[in-house]
């Protein structure tokens, strides 16, 4: 429905009780500027939209590898002020129109 062709994510690390304790540090997506580097390596053409809830997601647009950044706030414990303030749009559900 959204025409997504590339989806990359962190691999979560769990403790012995099944609680998330972090992200796999060997994955580029968990490293500082790693998501921007990953998107750069894809050589994407056309309109590029980054969607995320953190500064590392915002860095994709700020580094010039996305045309727009949408802050997704549904699953964050608190709204991340810097990310929300810098976003081109803010959504807390994919049922909302992404861009109006």
N, C-alpha and C. Protein backbone atom coordinates (compact mmCIF):
# COMPACT_ATOMS: atom_id res chain seq x y z
N UNK A 1 0.82 -1.19 0.00
CA UNK A 1 0.00 0.00 0.00
C UNK A 1 0.87 1.26 0.00
N UNK A 2 1.95 1.26 0.78
CA UNK A 2 2.81 2.44 0.85
C UNK A 2 3.93 2.42 -0.19
N UNK A 3 4.12 1.31 -0.87
CA UNK A 3 5.17 1.22 -1.88
C UNK A 3 6.57 1.13 -1.29
N UNK A 4 6.69 0.59 -0.11
CA UNK A 4 7.99 0.47 0.55
C UNK A 4 8.80 -0.62 -0.13
N UNK A 5 10.03 -0.27 -0.55
CA UNK A 5 10.91 -1.24 -1.20
C UNK A 5 12.12 -1.61 -0.36
N UNK A 6 12.46 -0.77 0.59
CA UNK A 6 13.62 -1.03 1.45
C UNK A 6 13.21 -0.82 2.89
N UNK A 7 13.41 -1.83 3.70
CA UNK A 7 13.10 -1.74 5.13
C UNK A 7 14.26 -2.34 5.90
N UNK A 8 14.88 -1.52 6.73
CA UNK A 8 16.02 -1.95 7.54
C UNK A 8 15.73 -1.58 8.97
N UNK A 9 16.13 -2.43 9.91
CA UNK A 9 15.82 -2.17 11.31
C UNK A 9 16.93 -2.67 12.21
N UNK A 10 16.90 -2.19 13.44
CA UNK A 10 17.82 -2.71 14.45
C UNK A 10 17.45 -4.15 14.79
N UNK A 11 18.42 -4.90 15.20
CA UNK A 11 18.18 -6.23 15.78
C UNK A 11 18.27 -6.03 17.29
N UNK A 12 17.18 -6.32 17.99
CA UNK A 12 17.14 -6.10 19.43
C UNK A 12 17.86 -7.21 20.18
N UNK A 13 18.43 -6.84 21.32
CA UNK A 13 19.13 -7.77 22.19
C UNK A 13 18.29 -7.93 23.45
N UNK A 14 18.06 -9.18 23.85
CA UNK A 14 17.21 -9.49 25.01
C UNK A 14 18.05 -10.11 26.12
N UNK A 15 17.62 -9.88 27.37
CA UNK A 15 18.28 -10.55 28.49
C UNK A 15 17.65 -11.92 28.71
N UNK A 16 18.13 -12.65 29.71
CA UNK A 16 17.64 -14.01 29.97
C UNK A 16 16.17 -14.06 30.38
N UNK A 17 15.61 -12.89 30.79
CA UNK A 17 14.20 -12.84 31.16
C UNK A 17 13.31 -12.38 30.01
N UNK A 18 13.91 -12.14 28.87
CA UNK A 18 13.13 -11.73 27.70
C UNK A 18 12.91 -10.23 27.56
N UNK A 19 13.61 -9.43 28.38
CA UNK A 19 13.48 -7.98 28.30
C UNK A 19 14.51 -7.42 27.33
N UNK A 20 14.10 -6.41 26.58
CA UNK A 20 15.01 -5.74 25.65
C UNK A 20 16.04 -4.96 26.45
N UNK A 21 17.31 -5.19 26.15
CA UNK A 21 18.39 -4.50 26.85
C UNK A 21 19.22 -3.62 25.92
N UNK A 22 18.90 -3.62 24.65
CA UNK A 22 19.63 -2.78 23.71
C UNK A 22 19.47 -3.25 22.29
N UNK A 23 20.34 -2.72 21.44
CA UNK A 23 20.35 -3.08 20.02
C UNK A 23 21.70 -3.69 19.70
N UNK A 24 21.72 -4.61 18.77
CA UNK A 24 22.94 -5.29 18.34
C UNK A 24 23.93 -4.25 17.81
N UNK A 25 25.05 -4.01 18.51
CA UNK A 25 25.98 -2.97 18.09
C UNK A 25 26.72 -3.28 16.79
N UNK A 26 26.66 -4.51 16.32
CA UNK A 26 27.34 -4.85 15.07
C UNK A 26 26.52 -4.41 13.85
N UNK A 27 25.26 -4.09 14.05
CA UNK A 27 24.40 -3.65 12.93
C UNK A 27 24.59 -2.16 12.68
N UNK A 28 24.74 -1.79 11.44
CA UNK A 28 24.93 -0.39 11.06
C UNK A 28 23.79 0.49 11.59
N UNK A 29 22.59 -0.04 11.64
CA UNK A 29 21.43 0.73 12.08
C UNK A 29 21.51 1.16 13.53
N UNK A 30 22.35 0.54 14.34
CA UNK A 30 22.45 0.92 15.75
C UNK A 30 23.61 1.86 16.04
N UNK A 31 24.38 2.21 15.02
CA UNK A 31 25.57 3.04 15.22
C UNK A 31 25.27 4.50 14.88
N UNK A 32 26.01 5.42 15.53
CA UNK A 32 25.84 6.84 15.25
C UNK A 32 26.07 7.09 13.76
N UNK A 33 25.16 7.75 13.13
CA UNK A 33 25.16 8.05 11.69
C UNK A 33 25.07 6.80 10.84
N UNK A 34 24.84 5.66 11.46
CA UNK A 34 24.76 4.40 10.74
C UNK A 34 23.59 4.31 9.79
N UNK A 35 22.44 4.81 10.23
CA UNK A 35 21.27 4.76 9.35
C UNK A 35 21.48 5.64 8.13
N UNK A 36 22.08 6.81 8.32
CA UNK A 36 22.37 7.68 7.18
C UNK A 36 23.34 6.98 6.22
N UNK A 37 24.35 6.32 6.76
CA UNK A 37 25.32 5.60 5.92
C UNK A 37 24.64 4.46 5.17
N UNK A 38 23.74 3.77 5.83
CA UNK A 38 23.04 2.66 5.18
C UNK A 38 22.18 3.17 4.02
N UNK A 39 21.45 4.25 4.26
CA UNK A 39 20.60 4.81 3.19
C UNK A 39 21.47 5.32 2.05
N UNK A 40 22.59 5.95 2.36
CA UNK A 40 23.50 6.42 1.31
C UNK A 40 23.97 5.27 0.44
N UNK A 41 24.23 4.12 1.05
CA UNK A 41 24.74 2.97 0.31
C UNK A 41 23.70 2.37 -0.64
N UNK A 42 22.44 2.69 -0.43
CA UNK A 42 21.37 2.14 -1.28
C UNK A 42 21.26 2.86 -2.62
N UNK A 43 21.78 4.08 -2.70
CA UNK A 43 21.72 4.83 -3.96
C UNK A 43 20.30 5.08 -4.44
N UNK A 44 19.42 5.41 -3.54
CA UNK A 44 18.00 5.57 -3.87
C UNK A 44 17.76 6.78 -4.76
N UNK A 45 16.82 6.65 -5.67
CA UNK A 45 16.42 7.72 -6.57
C UNK A 45 14.96 8.09 -6.29
N UNK A 46 14.58 9.28 -6.68
CA UNK A 46 13.20 9.72 -6.49
C UNK A 46 12.99 10.27 -5.09
N UNK A 47 11.75 10.42 -4.72
CA UNK A 47 11.39 10.94 -3.41
C UNK A 47 11.77 9.95 -2.32
N UNK A 48 12.57 10.40 -1.37
CA UNK A 48 13.03 9.54 -0.28
C UNK A 48 12.47 10.09 1.03
N UNK A 49 11.76 9.25 1.76
CA UNK A 49 11.13 9.66 3.01
C UNK A 49 11.64 8.75 4.12
N UNK A 50 12.22 9.34 5.15
CA UNK A 50 12.66 8.60 6.32
C UNK A 50 11.59 8.74 7.39
N UNK A 51 11.27 7.64 8.04
CA UNK A 51 10.28 7.63 9.12
C UNK A 51 10.94 7.00 10.34
N UNK A 52 10.85 7.66 11.48
CA UNK A 52 11.43 7.10 12.68
C UNK A 52 11.12 7.91 13.91
N UNK A 53 11.65 7.43 15.05
CA UNK A 53 11.34 8.09 16.32
C UNK A 53 12.55 8.69 17.02
N UNK A 54 13.70 8.64 16.39
CA UNK A 54 14.90 9.10 17.09
C UNK A 54 15.80 9.97 16.25
N UNK A 55 16.81 10.51 16.91
CA UNK A 55 17.76 11.40 16.25
C UNK A 55 18.48 10.69 15.12
N UNK A 56 18.81 9.40 15.31
CA UNK A 56 19.51 8.68 14.24
C UNK A 56 18.65 8.54 12.99
N UNK A 57 17.34 8.56 13.14
CA UNK A 57 16.45 8.56 11.97
C UNK A 57 16.43 9.94 11.31
N UNK A 58 16.38 10.98 12.12
CA UNK A 58 16.41 12.35 11.63
C UNK A 58 17.71 12.64 10.88
N UNK A 59 18.81 12.03 11.31
CA UNK A 59 20.11 12.24 10.67
C UNK A 59 20.09 11.84 9.20
N UNK A 60 19.22 10.93 8.82
CA UNK A 60 19.14 10.50 7.41
C UNK A 60 18.80 11.71 6.54
N UNK A 61 17.77 12.46 6.95
CA UNK A 61 17.40 13.65 6.17
C UNK A 61 18.46 14.74 6.29
N UNK A 62 18.94 14.96 7.52
CA UNK A 62 19.90 16.04 7.73
C UNK A 62 21.21 15.81 6.99
N UNK A 63 21.56 14.56 6.73
CA UNK A 63 22.77 14.24 5.96
C UNK A 63 22.52 14.31 4.45
N UNK A 64 21.27 14.56 4.05
CA UNK A 64 20.95 14.70 2.64
C UNK A 64 20.52 13.43 1.93
N UNK A 65 20.24 12.36 2.69
CA UNK A 65 19.88 11.09 2.07
C UNK A 65 18.38 10.82 2.09
N UNK A 66 17.59 11.77 2.59
CA UNK A 66 16.13 11.71 2.51
C UNK A 66 15.64 13.12 2.25
N UNK A 67 14.55 13.19 1.51
CA UNK A 67 13.97 14.50 1.20
C UNK A 67 13.08 14.99 2.34
N UNK A 68 12.45 14.06 3.03
CA UNK A 68 11.55 14.40 4.12
C UNK A 68 11.78 13.46 5.29
N UNK A 69 11.51 13.96 6.50
CA UNK A 69 11.57 13.12 7.69
C UNK A 69 10.24 13.21 8.42
N UNK A 70 9.66 12.05 8.70
CA UNK A 70 8.41 11.97 9.45
C UNK A 70 8.71 11.36 10.80
N UNK A 71 8.39 12.09 11.86
CA UNK A 71 8.57 11.58 13.22
C UNK A 71 7.38 10.68 13.55
N UNK A 72 7.68 9.46 13.93
CA UNK A 72 6.65 8.47 14.30
C UNK A 72 6.69 8.33 15.81
N UNK A 73 5.62 8.75 16.49
CA UNK A 73 5.64 8.86 17.95
C UNK A 73 4.81 7.81 18.68
N UNK A 74 4.24 6.84 17.99
CA UNK A 74 3.34 5.88 18.63
C UNK A 74 4.02 5.05 19.71
N UNK A 75 5.23 4.57 19.47
CA UNK A 75 5.83 3.60 20.37
C UNK A 75 7.00 4.14 21.19
N UNK A 76 7.08 5.45 21.34
CA UNK A 76 8.10 6.01 22.20
C UNK A 76 7.50 6.30 23.56
N UNK A 77 8.30 6.13 24.60
CA UNK A 77 7.79 6.36 25.95
C UNK A 77 7.48 7.82 26.18
N UNK A 78 8.25 8.69 25.58
CA UNK A 78 7.95 10.11 25.66
C UNK A 78 8.18 10.70 24.29
N UNK A 79 7.48 11.77 24.00
CA UNK A 79 7.67 12.43 22.72
C UNK A 79 9.05 13.07 22.73
N UNK A 80 9.80 12.86 21.72
CA UNK A 80 11.17 13.37 21.66
C UNK A 80 11.14 14.74 21.02
N UNK A 81 11.25 15.75 21.86
CA UNK A 81 11.03 17.14 21.45
C UNK A 81 11.89 17.55 20.26
N UNK A 82 13.18 17.27 20.31
CA UNK A 82 14.08 17.68 19.22
C UNK A 82 13.66 17.03 17.91
N UNK A 83 13.34 15.76 17.95
CA UNK A 83 12.96 15.02 16.74
C UNK A 83 11.65 15.56 16.18
N UNK A 84 10.68 15.77 17.06
CA UNK A 84 9.37 16.26 16.64
C UNK A 84 9.49 17.67 16.07
N UNK A 85 10.26 18.52 16.74
CA UNK A 85 10.42 19.91 16.29
C UNK A 85 11.08 19.98 14.91
N UNK A 86 12.01 19.08 14.63
CA UNK A 86 12.75 19.12 13.37
C UNK A 86 12.04 18.40 12.23
N UNK A 87 11.01 17.63 12.53
CA UNK A 87 10.35 16.79 11.53
C UNK A 87 9.55 17.61 10.52
N UNK A 88 9.43 17.07 9.32
CA UNK A 88 8.57 17.67 8.31
C UNK A 88 7.10 17.37 8.58
N UNK A 89 6.85 16.26 9.25
CA UNK A 89 5.50 15.86 9.66
C UNK A 89 5.64 14.95 10.87
N UNK A 90 4.58 14.86 11.67
CA UNK A 90 4.56 14.02 12.86
C UNK A 90 3.30 13.16 12.80
N UNK A 91 3.46 11.85 12.98
CA UNK A 91 2.31 10.94 13.02
C UNK A 91 2.47 9.99 14.21
N UNK A 92 1.35 9.53 14.73
CA UNK A 92 1.42 8.49 15.76
C UNK A 92 0.68 7.24 15.32
N UNK A 93 0.32 7.22 14.03
CA UNK A 93 -0.35 6.06 13.47
C UNK A 93 -0.14 6.07 11.96
N UNK A 94 0.04 4.91 11.39
CA UNK A 94 0.13 4.85 9.93
C UNK A 94 -1.23 4.90 9.28
N UNK A 95 -2.28 4.95 10.10
CA UNK A 95 -3.63 5.14 9.56
C UNK A 95 -3.85 6.61 9.19
N UNK A 96 -3.03 7.50 9.76
CA UNK A 96 -3.12 8.92 9.44
C UNK A 96 -2.51 9.16 8.06
N UNK A 97 -2.98 10.16 7.36
CA UNK A 97 -2.28 10.53 6.11
C UNK A 97 -0.86 10.95 6.48
N UNK A 98 0.13 10.42 5.80
CA UNK A 98 1.52 10.73 6.13
C UNK A 98 1.87 12.16 5.78
N UNK A 99 1.43 12.62 4.66
CA UNK A 99 1.71 13.99 4.24
C UNK A 99 0.43 14.62 3.73
N UNK A 100 0.15 15.79 4.21
CA UNK A 100 -1.05 16.49 3.72
C UNK A 100 -0.66 17.75 3.00
